[in-house]
C-alpha atoms as a PDB file:
ATOM      1  CA  MET A   1      17.114 -13.107 -31.692  1.00  0.00           C
ATOM      2  CA  ASP A   2      13.603 -11.780 -30.850  1.00  0.00           C
ATOM      3  CA  THR A   3      11.943 -13.285 -27.798  1.00  0.00           C
ATOM      4  CA  LYS A   4       8.514 -13.348 -26.691  1.00  0.00           C
ATOM      5  CA  LEU A   5       7.361 -11.768 -23.878  1.00  0.00           C
ATOM      6  CA  THR A   6       3.809 -11.719 -22.249  1.00  0.00           C
ATOM      7  CA  LEU A   7       3.004  -8.149 -20.306  1.00  0.00           C
ATOM      8  CA  SER A   8      -0.088  -6.630 -18.754  1.00  0.00           C
ATOM      9  CA  PHE A   9      -0.595  -3.061 -18.730  1.00  0.00           C
ATOM     10  CA  ASP A  10      -3.516  -0.578 -18.183  1.00  0.00           C
ATOM     11  CA  GLN A  11      -5.926  -0.728 -21.010  1.00  0.00           C
ATOM     12  CA  ASP A  12      -6.000   2.782 -21.448  1.00  0.00           C
ATOM     13  CA  VAL A  13      -1.754   2.971 -21.525  1.00  0.00           C
ATOM     14  CA  VAL A  14      -2.057   0.114 -24.051  1.00  0.00           C
ATOM     15  CA  ALA A  15      -4.595   1.795 -26.108  1.00  0.00           C
ATOM     16  CA  LYS A  16      -2.636   5.268 -26.111  1.00  0.00           C
ATOM     17  CA  ALA A  17       1.185   3.248 -26.537  1.00  0.00           C
ATOM     18  CA  LYS A  18      -0.698   1.652 -29.926  1.00  0.00           C
ATOM     19  CA  LYS A  19      -1.504   4.964 -30.946  1.00  0.00           C
ATOM     20  CA  TYR A  20       1.624   6.991 -30.643  1.00  0.00           C
ATOM     21  CA  ALA A  21       3.565   4.177 -32.250  1.00  0.00           C
ATOM     22  CA  ALA A  22       1.091   3.855 -35.275  1.00  0.00           C
ATOM     23  CA  ASP A  23       1.685   7.581 -35.349  1.00  0.00           C
ATOM     24  CA  ASN A  24       5.370   7.269 -35.483  1.00  0.00           C
ATOM     25  CA  ASN A  25       5.375   4.331 -37.745  1.00  0.00           C
ATOM     26  CA  ILE A  26       7.178   2.023 -35.334  1.00  0.00           C
ATOM     27  CA  SER A  27       5.269  -1.446 -33.705  1.00  0.00           C
ATOM     28  CA  LEU A  28       4.426  -1.249 -30.315  1.00  0.00           C
ATOM     29  CA  SER A  29       6.932  -4.394 -29.759  1.00  0.00           C
ATOM     30  CA  ARG A  30       9.751  -2.109 -31.191  1.00  0.00           C
ATOM     31  CA  LEU A  31       8.767   0.903 -29.223  1.00  0.00           C
ATOM     32  CA  ILE A  32       8.949  -1.237 -25.933  1.00  0.00           C
ATOM     33  CA  GLU A  33      12.587  -2.526 -26.985  1.00  0.00           C
ATOM     34  CA  HIS A  34      13.534   0.682 -27.583  1.00  0.00           C
ATOM     35  CA  LEU A  35      12.300   2.276 -24.181  1.00  0.00           C
ATOM     36  CA  LEU A  36      13.488  -0.851 -22.475  1.00  0.00           C
ATOM     37  CA  THR A  37      17.059  -0.392 -24.363  1.00  0.00           C
ATOM     38  CA  GLN A  38      17.286   3.448 -23.216  1.00  0.00           C
ATOM     39  CA  VAL A  39      16.483   2.484 -19.490  1.00  0.00           C
ATOM     40  CA  THR A  40      18.826  -0.325 -19.159  1.00  0.00           C
ATOM     41  CA  ALA A  41      21.842   1.814 -21.284  1.00  0.00           C
ATOM     42  CA  LYS A  42      23.266   3.241 -17.989  1.00  0.00           C
ATOM     43  CA  GLU A  43      22.755   2.507 -14.539  1.00  0.00           C
ATOM     44  CA  TYR A  44      20.408   4.183 -13.281  1.00  0.00           C
ATOM     45  CA  LYS A  45      19.774   3.785  -9.508  1.00  0.00           C
ATOM     46  CA  SER A  46      15.743   4.576  -9.653  1.00  0.00           C
ATOM     47  CA  LEU A  47      13.199   5.253 -12.361  1.00  0.00           C
ATOM     48  CA  GLU A  48      13.517   9.356 -11.148  1.00  0.00           C
ATOM     49  CA  ASP A  49      17.143   9.323 -12.444  1.00  0.00           C
ATOM     50  CA  TYR A  50      16.238   8.208 -15.647  1.00  0.00           C
ATOM     51  CA  PRO A  51      16.367  11.488 -17.861  1.00  0.00           C
ATOM     52  CA  ILE A  52      12.626  11.185 -19.573  1.00  0.00           C
ATOM     53  CA  ALA A  53      10.835   9.618 -16.358  1.00  0.00           C
ATOM     54  CA  ASP A  54       8.823  13.014 -16.386  1.00  0.00           C
ATOM     55  CA  TRP A  55       7.701  12.693 -20.164  1.00  0.00           C
ATOM     56  CA  VAL A  56       6.815   8.927 -19.591  1.00  0.00           C
ATOM     57  CA  SER A  57       5.016   9.947 -16.782  1.00  0.00           C
ATOM     58  CA  MET A  58       2.989  12.696 -18.971  1.00  0.00           C
ATOM     59  CA  VAL A  59       2.329  10.166 -21.399  1.00  0.00           C
ATOM     60  CA  ALA A  60       1.341   7.540 -19.202  1.00  0.00           C
ATOM     61  CA  GLU A  61      -1.059  10.108 -17.299  1.00  0.00           C
ATOM     62  CA  GLY A  62      -2.390  12.506 -19.635  1.00  0.00           C
ATOM     63  CA  GLU A  63      -2.197  13.957 -22.938  1.00  0.00           C
ATOM     64  CA  VAL A  64       1.139  15.409 -24.198  1.00  0.00           C
ATOM     65  CA  GLU A  65       1.316  18.916 -25.696  1.00  0.00           C
ATOM     66  CA  TYR A  66       4.069  19.664 -28.322  1.00  0.00           C
ATOM     67  CA  LYS A  67       5.060  23.150 -28.958  1.00  0.00           C
ATOM     68  CA  LYS A  68       6.340  24.034 -32.096  1.00  0.00           C
ATOM     69  CA  SER A  69       7.814  27.622 -33.173  1.00  0.00           C
ATOM     70  CA  PRO A  70       6.780  29.000 -36.456  1.00  0.00           C
ATOM     71  CA  LYS A  71       8.892  27.831 -39.682  1.00  0.00           C
ATOM     72  CA  LYS A  72      11.215  30.936 -40.431  1.00  0.00           C
ATOM     73  CA  THR A  73      11.879  31.470 -43.933  1.00  0.00           C
ATOM     74  CA  ARG A  74      15.257  31.299 -45.665  1.00  0.00           C
ATOM     75  CA  GLN A  75      15.042  35.331 -45.619  1.00  0.00           C
ATOM     76  CA  ASP A  76      14.211  35.603 -41.599  1.00  0.00           C
ATOM     77  CA  SER A  77      17.286  33.037 -41.335  1.00  0.00           C
ATOM     78  CA  LYS A  78      19.425  35.685 -43.014  1.00  0.00           C
ATOM     79  CA  ASP A  79      18.151  38.923 -41.340  1.00  0.00           C
ATOM     80  CA  GLU A  80      18.801  36.972 -38.318  1.00  0.00           C
ATOM     81  CA  PHE A  81      22.340  36.080 -39.030  1.00  0.00           C
ATOM     82  CA  PHE A  82      23.502  39.747 -40.412  1.00  0.00           C
ATOM     83  CA  ALA A  83      22.176  40.876 -37.363  1.00  0.00           C
ATOM     84  CA  SER A  84      23.910  38.537 -35.217  1.00  0.00           C
ATOM     85  CA  LYS A  85      26.901  39.807 -36.684  1.00  0.00           C
ATOM     86  CA  LYS A  86      26.779  43.960 -35.835  1.00  0.00           C
END
């Protein structure tokens, strides 16, 4: 059962959160619900104990940069596998 809740956030945080939610094909409500579920899933003494506290701080404070490795081809994976067996 869903419950309506009124919250107040900084305007820039809301704009970034809306964009993040849209980019990930999720509603802002479900994104906030997910984060609150994660925070309340265990007994954390403070927000600093929460494992994604640094990530949440970076998102709230500025642009996050994700670095991806180049995608390996099947041949690269085979070569790596056989090299590890030598």
